[in-house]
Every structure is written in C-alpha cells, then in structure tokens.
All heavy atoms as atom14 arrays in JSON, in Angstrom:
{
  "sequence": "LVKSSEVNGGDDAAQAQWFSVDKVPQLAFDHDYILREAM",
  "atom14_mask": [
    [1, 1, 1, 1, 1, 1, 1, 1, 0, 0, 0, 0, 0, 0],
    [1, 1, 1, 1, 1, 1, 1, 0, 0, 0, 0, 0, 0, 0],
    [1, 1, 1, 1, 1, 1, 1, 1, 1, 0, 0, 0, 0, 0],
    [1, 1, 1, 1, 1, 1, 0, 0, 0, 0, 0, 0, 0, 0],
    [1, 1, 1, 1, 1, 1, 0, 0, 0, 0, 0, 0, 0, 0],
    [1, 1, 1, 1, 1, 1, 1, 1, 1, 0, 0, 0, 0, 0],
    [1, 1, 1, 1, 1, 1, 1, 0, 0, 0, 0, 0, 0, 0],
    [1, 1, 1, 1, 1, 1, 1, 1, 0, 0, 0, 0, 0, 0],
    [1, 1, 1, 1, 0, 0, 0, 0, 0, 0, 0, 0, 0, 0],
    [1, 1, 1, 1, 0, 0, 0, 0, 0, 0, 0, 0, 0, 0],
    [1, 1, 1, 1, 1, 1, 1, 1, 0, 0, 0, 0, 0, 0],
    [1, 1, 1, 1, 1, 1, 1, 1, 0, 0, 0, 0, 0, 0],
    [1, 1, 1, 1, 1, 0, 0, 0, 0, 0, 0, 0, 0, 0],
    [1, 1, 1, 1, 1, 0, 0, 0, 0, 0, 0, 0, 0, 0],
    [1, 1, 1, 1, 1, 1, 1, 1, 1, 0, 0, 0, 0, 0],
    [1, 1, 1, 1, 1, 0, 0, 0, 0, 0, 0, 0, 0, 0],
    [1, 1, 1, 1, 1, 1, 1, 1, 1, 0, 0, 0, 0, 0],
    [1, 1, 1, 1, 1, 1, 1, 1, 1, 1, 1, 1, 1, 1],
    [1, 1, 1, 1, 1, 1, 1, 1, 1, 1, 1, 0, 0, 0],
    [1, 1, 1, 1, 1, 1, 0, 0, 0, 0, 0, 0, 0, 0],
    [1, 1, 1, 1, 1, 1, 1, 0, 0, 0, 0, 0, 0, 0],
    [1, 1, 1, 1, 1, 1, 1, 1, 0, 0, 0, 0, 0, 0],
    [1, 1, 1, 1, 1, 1, 1, 1, 1, 0, 0, 0, 0, 0],
    [1, 1, 1, 1, 1, 1, 1, 0, 0, 0, 0, 0, 0, 0],
    [1, 1, 1, 1, 1, 1, 1, 0, 0, 0, 0, 0, 0, 0],
    [1, 1, 1, 1, 1, 1, 1, 1, 1, 0, 0, 0, 0, 0],
    [1, 1, 1, 1, 1, 1, 1, 1, 0, 0, 0, 0, 0, 0],
    [1, 1, 1, 1, 1, 0, 0, 0, 0, 0, 0, 0, 0, 0],
    [1, 1, 1, 1, 1, 1, 1, 1, 1, 1, 1, 0, 0, 0],
    [1, 1, 1, 1, 1, 1, 1, 1, 0, 0, 0, 0, 0, 0],
    [1, 1, 1, 1, 1, 1, 1, 1, 1, 1, 0, 0, 0, 0],
    [1, 1, 1, 1, 1, 1, 1, 1, 0, 0, 0, 0, 0, 0],
    [1, 1, 1, 1, 1, 1, 1, 1, 1, 1, 1, 1, 0, 0],
    [1, 1, 1, 1, 1, 1, 1, 1, 0, 0, 0, 0, 0, 0],
    [1, 1, 1, 1, 1, 1, 1, 1, 0, 0, 0, 0, 0, 0],
    [1, 1, 1, 1, 1, 1, 1, 1, 1, 1, 1, 0, 0, 0],
    [1, 1, 1, 1, 1, 1, 1, 1, 1, 0, 0, 0, 0, 0],
    [1, 1, 1, 1, 1, 0, 0, 0, 0, 0, 0, 0, 0, 0],
    [1, 1, 1, 1, 1, 1, 1, 1, 0, 0, 0, 0, 0, 0]
  ],
  "atom14_positions": [
    [[6.77, -0.21, -2.85], [8.2, -0.41, -3.01], [8.6, 0.14, -4.37], [8.04, -0.27, -5.39], [8.55, -1.9, -2.92], [7.95, -2.67, -1.73], [8.29, -4.15, -1.84], [8.46, -2.1, -0.42], [0.0, 0.0, 0.0], [0.0, 0.0, 0.0], [0.0, 0.0, 0.0], [0.0, 0.0, 0.0], [0.0, 0.0, 0.0], [0.0, 0.0, 0.0]],
    [[9.53, 1.06, -4.39], [9.92, 1.69, -5.64], [11.43, 1.85, -5.69], [12.12, 1.78, -4.67], [9.26, 3.09, -5.8], [7.75, 2.99, -5.73], [9.78, 4.05, -4.74], [0.0, 0.0, 0.0], [0.0, 0.0, 0.0], [0.0, 0.0, 0.0], [0.0, 0.0, 0.0], [0.0, 0.0, 0.0], [0.0, 0.0, 0.0], [0.0, 0.0, 0.0]],
    [[11.94, 2.08, -6.88], [13.34, 2.44, -7.04], [13.48, 3.92, -6.66], [12.68, 4.75, -7.08], [13.8, 2.2, -8.47], [13.68, 0.74, -8.91], [14.02, 0.59, -10.38], [13.87, -0.87, -10.8], [12.5, -1.36, -10.72], [0.0, 0.0, 0.0], [0.0, 0.0, 0.0], [0.0, 0.0, 0.0], [0.0, 0.0, 0.0], [0.0, 0.0, 0.0]],
    [[14.44, 4.23, -5.83], [14.62, 5.6, -5.35], [14.74, 6.57, -6.53], [15.44, 6.3, -7.5], [15.87, 5.71, -4.47], [15.71, 4.93, -3.31], [0.0, 0.0, 0.0], [0.0, 0.0, 0.0], [0.0, 0.0, 0.0], [0.0, 0.0, 0.0], [0.0, 0.0, 0.0], [0.0, 0.0, 0.0], [0.0, 0.0, 0.0], [0.0, 0.0, 0.0]],
    [[14.04, 7.67, -6.45], [14.07, 8.68, -7.51], [13.97, 10.06, -6.88], [13.69, 10.2, -5.68], [12.92, 8.46, -8.49], [11.67, 8.53, -7.83], [0.0, 0.0, 0.0], [0.0, 0.0, 0.0], [0.0, 0.0, 0.0], [0.0, 0.0, 0.0], [0.0, 0.0, 0.0], [0.0, 0.0, 0.0], [0.0, 0.0, 0.0], [0.0, 0.0, 0.0]],
    [[14.18, 11.07, -7.69], [14.13, 12.44, -7.18], [12.7, 12.81, -6.81], [11.74, 12.49, -7.52], [14.65, 13.41, -8.23], [14.73, 14.85, -7.76], [15.31, 15.78, -8.81], [15.83, 15.28, -9.83], [15.24, 17.0, -8.61], [0.0, 0.0, 0.0], [0.0, 0.0, 0.0], [0.0, 0.0, 0.0], [0.0, 0.0, 0.0], [0.0, 0.0, 0.0]],
    [[12.55, 13.5, -5.67], [11.24, 13.95, -5.21], [11.32, 15.43, -4.85], [12.39, 15.95, -4.54], [10.75, 13.13, -3.99], [10.44, 11.7, -4.39], [11.8, 13.15, -2.87], [0.0, 0.0, 0.0], [0.0, 0.0, 0.0], [0.0, 0.0, 0.0], [0.0, 0.0, 0.0], [0.0, 0.0, 0.0], [0.0, 0.0, 0.0], [0.0, 0.0, 0.0]],
    [[10.17, 16.08, -4.88], [10.11, 17.52, -4.57], [8.85, 17.81, -3.77], [7.76, 17.33, -4.11], [10.1, 18.35, -5.85], [11.38, 18.18, -6.66], [12.42, 18.71, -6.3], [11.29, 17.43, -7.76], [0.0, 0.0, 0.0], [0.0, 0.0, 0.0], [0.0, 0.0, 0.0], [0.0, 0.0, 0.0], [0.0, 0.0, 0.0], [0.0, 0.0, 0.0]],
    [[8.99, 18.6, -2.72], [7.84, 18.95, -1.91], [6.88, 19.86, -2.65], [7.29, 20.72, -3.43], [0.0, 0.0, 0.0], [0.0, 0.0, 0.0], [0.0, 0.0, 0.0], [0.0, 0.0, 0.0], [0.0, 0.0, 0.0], [0.0, 0.0, 0.0], [0.0, 0.0, 0.0], [0.0, 0.0, 0.0], [0.0, 0.0, 0.0], [0.0, 0.0, 0.0]],
    [[5.59, 19.65, -2.43], [4.58, 20.46, -3.09], [3.31, 20.52, -2.26], [3.21, 19.86, -1.22], [0.0, 0.0, 0.0], [0.0, 0.0, 0.0], [0.0, 0.0, 0.0], [0.0, 0.0, 0.0], [0.0, 0.0, 0.0], [0.0, 0.0, 0.0], [0.0, 0.0, 0.0], [0.0, 0.0, 0.0], [0.0, 0.0, 0.0], [0.0, 0.0, 0.0]],
    [[2.35, 21.32, -2.68], [1.08, 21.49, -1.98], [1.38, 21.99, -0.56], [2.03, 23.0, -0.39], [0.29, 20.18, -1.98], [-1.15, 20.38, -1.59], [-1.7, 21.47, -1.85], [-1.75, 19.45, -1.0], [0.0, 0.0, 0.0], [0.0, 0.0, 0.0], [0.0, 0.0, 0.0], [0.0, 0.0, 0.0], [0.0, 0.0, 0.0], [0.0, 0.0, 0.0]],
    [[0.91, 21.29, 0.49], [1.18, 21.77, 1.85], [2.4, 21.1, 2.47], [2.58, 21.13, 3.7], [-0.05, 21.57, 2.75], [-0.52, 20.12, 2.78], [0.06, 19.3, 2.05], [-1.45, 19.82, 3.54], [0.0, 0.0, 0.0], [0.0, 0.0, 0.0], [0.0, 0.0, 0.0], [0.0, 0.0, 0.0], [0.0, 0.0, 0.0], [0.0, 0.0, 0.0]],
    [[3.27, 20.49, 1.63], [4.52, 19.9, 2.11], [5.66, 20.86, 1.82], [5.89, 21.26, 0.68], [4.77, 18.56, 1.41], [0.0, 0.0, 0.0], [0.0, 0.0, 0.0], [0.0, 0.0, 0.0], [0.0, 0.0, 0.0], [0.0, 0.0, 0.0], [0.0, 0.0, 0.0], [0.0, 0.0, 0.0], [0.0, 0.0, 0.0], [0.0, 0.0, 0.0]],
    [[6.38, 21.27, 2.88], [7.47, 22.21, 2.7], [8.6, 21.59, 1.88], [9.24, 22.26, 1.07], [8.01, 22.66, 4.07], [0.0, 0.0, 0.0], [0.0, 0.0, 0.0], [0.0, 0.0, 0.0], [0.0, 0.0, 0.0], [0.0, 0.0, 0.0], [0.0, 0.0, 0.0], [0.0, 0.0, 0.0], [0.0, 0.0, 0.0], [0.0, 0.0, 0.0]],
    [[8.84, 20.29, 2.06], [9.83, 19.58, 1.28], [9.58, 18.08, 1.39], [8.88, 17.62, 2.3], [11.25, 19.91, 1.73], [11.57, 19.57, 3.18], [13.02, 19.83, 3.52], [13.93, 19.48, 2.76], [13.27, 20.45, 4.68], [0.0, 0.0, 0.0], [0.0, 0.0, 0.0], [0.0, 0.0, 0.0], [0.0, 0.0, 0.0], [0.0, 0.0, 0.0]],
    [[10.15, 17.34, 0.45], [10.05, 15.88, 0.46], [11.47, 15.32, 0.42], [12.34, 15.87, -0.26], [9.25, 15.38, -0.75], [0.0, 0.0, 0.0], [0.0, 0.0, 0.0], [0.0, 0.0, 0.0], [0.0, 0.0, 0.0], [0.0, 0.0, 0.0], [0.0, 0.0, 0.0], [0.0, 0.0, 0.0], [0.0, 0.0, 0.0], [0.0, 0.0, 0.0]],
    [[11.69, 14.22, 1.14], [13.05, 13.71, 1.25], [13.04, 12.22, 1.6], [12.16, 11.74, 2.31], [13.81, 14.49, 2.33], [15.27, 14.14, 2.48], [15.94, 15.02, 3.52], [15.68, 16.21, 3.62], [16.81, 14.43, 4.32], [0.0, 0.0, 0.0], [0.0, 0.0, 0.0], [0.0, 0.0, 0.0], [0.0, 0.0, 0.0], [0.0, 0.0, 0.0]],
    [[14.05, 11.49, 1.08], [14.24, 10.08, 1.43], [15.07, 10.0, 2.7], [16.1, 10.66, 2.83], [14.95, 9.33, 0.31], [14.16, 9.17, -0.94], [14.24, 9.93, -2.07], [13.16, 8.18, -1.2], [13.34, 9.47, -3.02], [12.68, 8.4, -2.52], [12.63, 7.12, -0.46], [11.7, 7.59, -3.1], [11.66, 6.33, -1.03], [11.2, 6.56, -2.33]],
    [[14.65, 9.17, 3.65], [15.39, 8.95, 4.88], [15.73, 7.46, 5.01], [14.89, 6.59, 4.72], [14.55, 9.34, 6.1], [14.48, 10.82, 6.37], [13.6, 11.63, 5.67], [15.31, 11.4, 7.32], [13.53, 13.0, 5.91], [15.24, 12.77, 7.58], [14.36, 13.57, 6.87], [0.0, 0.0, 0.0], [0.0, 0.0, 0.0], [0.0, 0.0, 0.0]],
    [[16.94, 7.17, 5.48], [17.28, 5.8, 5.83], [16.33, 5.34, 6.93], [16.03, 6.11, 7.85], [18.73, 5.72, 6.3], [19.0, 4.44, 6.83], [0.0, 0.0, 0.0], [0.0, 0.0, 0.0], [0.0, 0.0, 0.0], [0.0, 0.0, 0.0], [0.0, 0.0, 0.0], [0.0, 0.0, 0.0], [0.0, 0.0, 0.0], [0.0, 0.0, 0.0]],
    [[15.86, 4.1, 6.86], [14.87, 3.64, 7.84], [15.41, 3.61, 9.27], [14.63, 3.63, 10.22], [14.32, 2.24, 7.47], [13.48, 2.3, 6.21], [15.45, 1.23, 7.33], [0.0, 0.0, 0.0], [0.0, 0.0, 0.0], [0.0, 0.0, 0.0], [0.0, 0.0, 0.0], [0.0, 0.0, 0.0], [0.0, 0.0, 0.0], [0.0, 0.0, 0.0]],
    [[16.74, 3.56, 9.42], [17.3, 3.58, 10.77], [17.71, 4.98, 11.21], [18.34, 5.16, 12.25], [18.48, 2.61, 10.89], [19.6, 2.92, 9.91], [19.47, 3.88, 9.13], [20.61, 2.19, 9.92], [0.0, 0.0, 0.0], [0.0, 0.0, 0.0], [0.0, 0.0, 0.0], [0.0, 0.0, 0.0], [0.0, 0.0, 0.0], [0.0, 0.0, 0.0]],
    [[17.35, 5.99, 10.41], [17.67, 7.38, 10.77], [16.44, 8.28, 10.62], [16.56, 9.47, 10.35], [18.81, 7.9, 9.91], [20.13, 7.15, 10.12], [21.21, 7.68, 9.21], [22.5, 6.88, 9.4], [23.57, 7.34, 8.46], [0.0, 0.0, 0.0], [0.0, 0.0, 0.0], [0.0, 0.0, 0.0], [0.0, 0.0, 0.0], [0.0, 0.0, 0.0]],
    [[15.28, 7.7, 10.8], [14.04, 8.46, 10.66], [13.82, 9.32, 11.9], [13.91, 8.82, 13.03], [12.83, 7.51, 10.47], [11.51, 8.27, 10.53], [12.95, 6.78, 9.14], [0.0, 0.0, 0.0], [0.0, 0.0, 0.0], [0.0, 0.0, 0.0], [0.0, 0.0, 0.0], [0.0, 0.0, 0.0], [0.0, 0.0, 0.0], [0.0, 0.0, 0.0]],
    [[13.55, 10.61, 11.75], [13.28, 11.47, 12.91], [11.92, 11.13, 13.51], [11.15, 10.35, 12.94], [13.28, 12.87, 12.3], [12.85, 12.66, 10.89], [13.45, 11.34, 10.47], [0.0, 0.0, 0.0], [0.0, 0.0, 0.0], [0.0, 0.0, 0.0], [0.0, 0.0, 0.0], [0.0, 0.0, 0.0], [0.0, 0.0, 0.0], [0.0, 0.0, 0.0]],
    [[11.62, 11.73, 14.66], [10.29, 11.53, 15.25], [9.25, 12.07, 14.29], [9.38, 13.17, 13.75], [10.19, 12.24, 16.6], [8.85, 12.01, 17.29], [8.79, 12.66, 18.66], [9.78, 13.2, 19.15], [7.61, 12.64, 19.28], [0.0, 0.0, 0.0], [0.0, 0.0, 0.0], [0.0, 0.0, 0.0], [0.0, 0.0, 0.0], [0.0, 0.0, 0.0]],
    [[8.2, 11.29, 14.08], [7.2, 11.64, 13.08], [5.94, 12.22, 13.71], [5.64, 11.99, 14.89], [6.84, 10.4, 12.25], [8.0, 9.73, 11.52], [7.51, 8.51, 10.76], [8.7, 10.7, 10.58], [0.0, 0.0, 0.0], [0.0, 0.0, 0.0], [0.0, 0.0, 0.0], [0.0, 0.0, 0.0], [0.0, 0.0, 0.0], [0.0, 0.0, 0.0]],
    [[5.18, 12.97, 12.91], [3.93, 13.57, 13.36], [2.83, 12.52, 13.48], [2.95, 11.4, 12.98], [3.51, 14.66, 12.37], [0.0, 0.0, 0.0], [0.0, 0.0, 0.0], [0.0, 0.0, 0.0], [0.0, 0.0, 0.0], [0.0, 0.0, 0.0], [0.0, 0.0, 0.0], [0.0, 0.0, 0.0], [0.0, 0.0, 0.0], [0.0, 0.0, 0.0]],
    [[1.76, 12.9, 14.16], [0.59, 12.05, 14.34], [1.01, 10.7, 14.95], [1.83, 10.68, 15.86], [-0.15, 11.86, 13.01], [-0.55, 13.15, 12.34], [0.16, 13.65, 11.27], [-1.62, 13.9, 12.82], [-0.18, 14.85, 10.66], [-1.99, 15.1, 12.23], [-1.26, 15.58, 11.15], [0.0, 0.0, 0.0], [0.0, 0.0, 0.0], [0.0, 0.0, 0.0]],
    [[0.48, 9.61, 14.41], [0.88, 8.26, 14.87], [1.75, 7.58, 13.82], [1.77, 6.36, 13.7], [-0.36, 7.41, 15.15], [-1.26, 7.29, 13.93], [-1.04, 8.02, 12.93], [-2.2, 6.46, 13.96], [0.0, 0.0, 0.0], [0.0, 0.0, 0.0], [0.0, 0.0, 0.0], [0.0, 0.0, 0.0], [0.0, 0.0, 0.0], [0.0, 0.0, 0.0]],
    [[2.49, 8.38, 13.04], [3.24, 7.83, 11.92], [4.42, 6.97, 12.34], [4.87, 6.12, 11.57], [3.67, 8.95, 10.98], [2.52, 9.56, 10.25], [2.67, 10.49, 9.23], [1.17, 9.38, 10.38], [1.48, 10.84, 8.78], [0.56, 10.19, 9.47], [0.0, 0.0, 0.0], [0.0, 0.0, 0.0], [0.0, 0.0, 0.0], [0.0, 0.0, 0.0]],
    [[4.94, 7.16, 13.57], [5.97, 6.25, 14.07], [5.41, 4.83, 14.17], [6.07, 3.86, 13.8], [6.49, 6.71, 15.44], [7.3, 7.99, 15.36], [8.3, 8.01, 14.62], [6.93, 8.97, 16.02], [0.0, 0.0, 0.0], [0.0, 0.0, 0.0], [0.0, 0.0, 0.0], [0.0, 0.0, 0.0], [0.0, 0.0, 0.0], [0.0, 0.0, 0.0]],
    [[4.21, 4.74, 14.67], [3.55, 3.44, 14.81], [3.24, 2.85, 13.43], [3.45, 1.65, 13.19], [2.25, 3.59, 15.61], [1.42, 2.34, 15.67], [1.89, 1.19, 16.29], [0.15, 2.31, 15.1], [1.12, 0.04, 16.34], [-0.63, 1.17, 15.15], [-0.13, 0.03, 15.77], [-0.89, -1.1, 15.81], [0.0, 0.0, 0.0], [0.0, 0.0, 0.0]],
    [[2.78, 3.68, 12.51], [2.49, 3.21, 11.15], [3.76, 2.67, 10.49], [3.73, 1.64, 9.81], [1.86, 4.33, 10.3], [0.48, 4.69, 10.84], [1.76, 3.92, 8.84], [-0.19, 5.85, 10.11], [0.0, 0.0, 0.0], [0.0, 0.0, 0.0], [0.0, 0.0, 0.0], [0.0, 0.0, 0.0], [0.0, 0.0, 0.0], [0.0, 0.0, 0.0]],
    [[4.88, 3.34, 10.7], [6.15, 2.88, 10.13], [6.53, 1.52, 10.7], [6.99, 0.64, 9.96], [7.25, 3.9, 10.4], [8.65, 3.52, 9.88], [8.63, 3.27, 8.38], [9.67, 4.6, 10.24], [0.0, 0.0, 0.0], [0.0, 0.0, 0.0], [0.0, 0.0, 0.0], [0.0, 0.0, 0.0], [0.0, 0.0, 0.0], [0.0, 0.0, 0.0]],
    [[6.37, 1.33, 11.98], [6.69, 0.03, 12.59], [5.83, -1.07, 11.98], [6.31, -2.18, 11.71], [6.5, 0.09, 14.11], [7.53, 0.95, 14.83], [7.54, 0.65, 16.33], [6.29, 0.98, 16.97], [5.99, 2.17, 17.47], [6.87, 3.16, 17.38], [4.83, 2.39, 18.07], [0.0, 0.0, 0.0], [0.0, 0.0, 0.0], [0.0, 0.0, 0.0]],
    [[4.56, -0.78, 11.78], [3.66, -1.77, 11.18], [4.06, -2.05, 9.73], [3.99, -3.2, 9.26], [2.22, -1.27, 11.25], [1.66, -1.2, 12.65], [1.65, -2.57, 13.33], [1.01, -3.5, 12.79], [2.3, -2.71, 14.38], [0.0, 0.0, 0.0], [0.0, 0.0, 0.0], [0.0, 0.0, 0.0], [0.0, 0.0, 0.0], [0.0, 0.0, 0.0]],
    [[4.49, -1.04, 9.01], [4.91, -1.22, 7.63], [6.17, -2.08, 7.55], [6.31, -2.93, 6.66], [5.15, 0.13, 6.97], [0.0, 0.0, 0.0], [0.0, 0.0, 0.0], [0.0, 0.0, 0.0], [0.0, 0.0, 0.0], [0.0, 0.0, 0.0], [0.0, 0.0, 0.0], [0.0, 0.0, 0.0], [0.0, 0.0, 0.0], [0.0, 0.0, 0.0]],
    [[7.1, -1.87, 8.49], [8.31, -2.68, 8.51], [7.99, -4.14, 8.84], [8.6, -5.07, 8.28], [9.31, -2.12, 9.53], [9.99, -0.83, 9.1], [10.96, -1.01, 7.56], [12.14, -2.28, 8.02], [0.0, 0.0, 0.0], [0.0, 0.0, 0.0], [0.0, 0.0, 0.0], [0.0, 0.0, 0.0], [0.0, 0.0, 0.0], [0.0, 0.0, 0.0]]
  ]
}
C-alpha cells in the first residue's frame, strides 16, 4: 500500500500506469485471480 506517485515503464514493460480497481482491463496470466485475492 503506497501513496500514488509517478511511475515509468522500463525493462520489458512497455509502460506503467495506475488503474482504478473498478476499471482494470483483462490481465495476462492468472493476474485477474491474483487481483481478486489481493482485494
């Protein structure tokens, strides 16, 4: 849990971005399930 701050994509990430938890797009791998568990 952090205070929102500026982020920038790097390494093999094309970009990094903050998303509202109720507007998250479909995620790769099993990350949709991981997000539900995190919530």
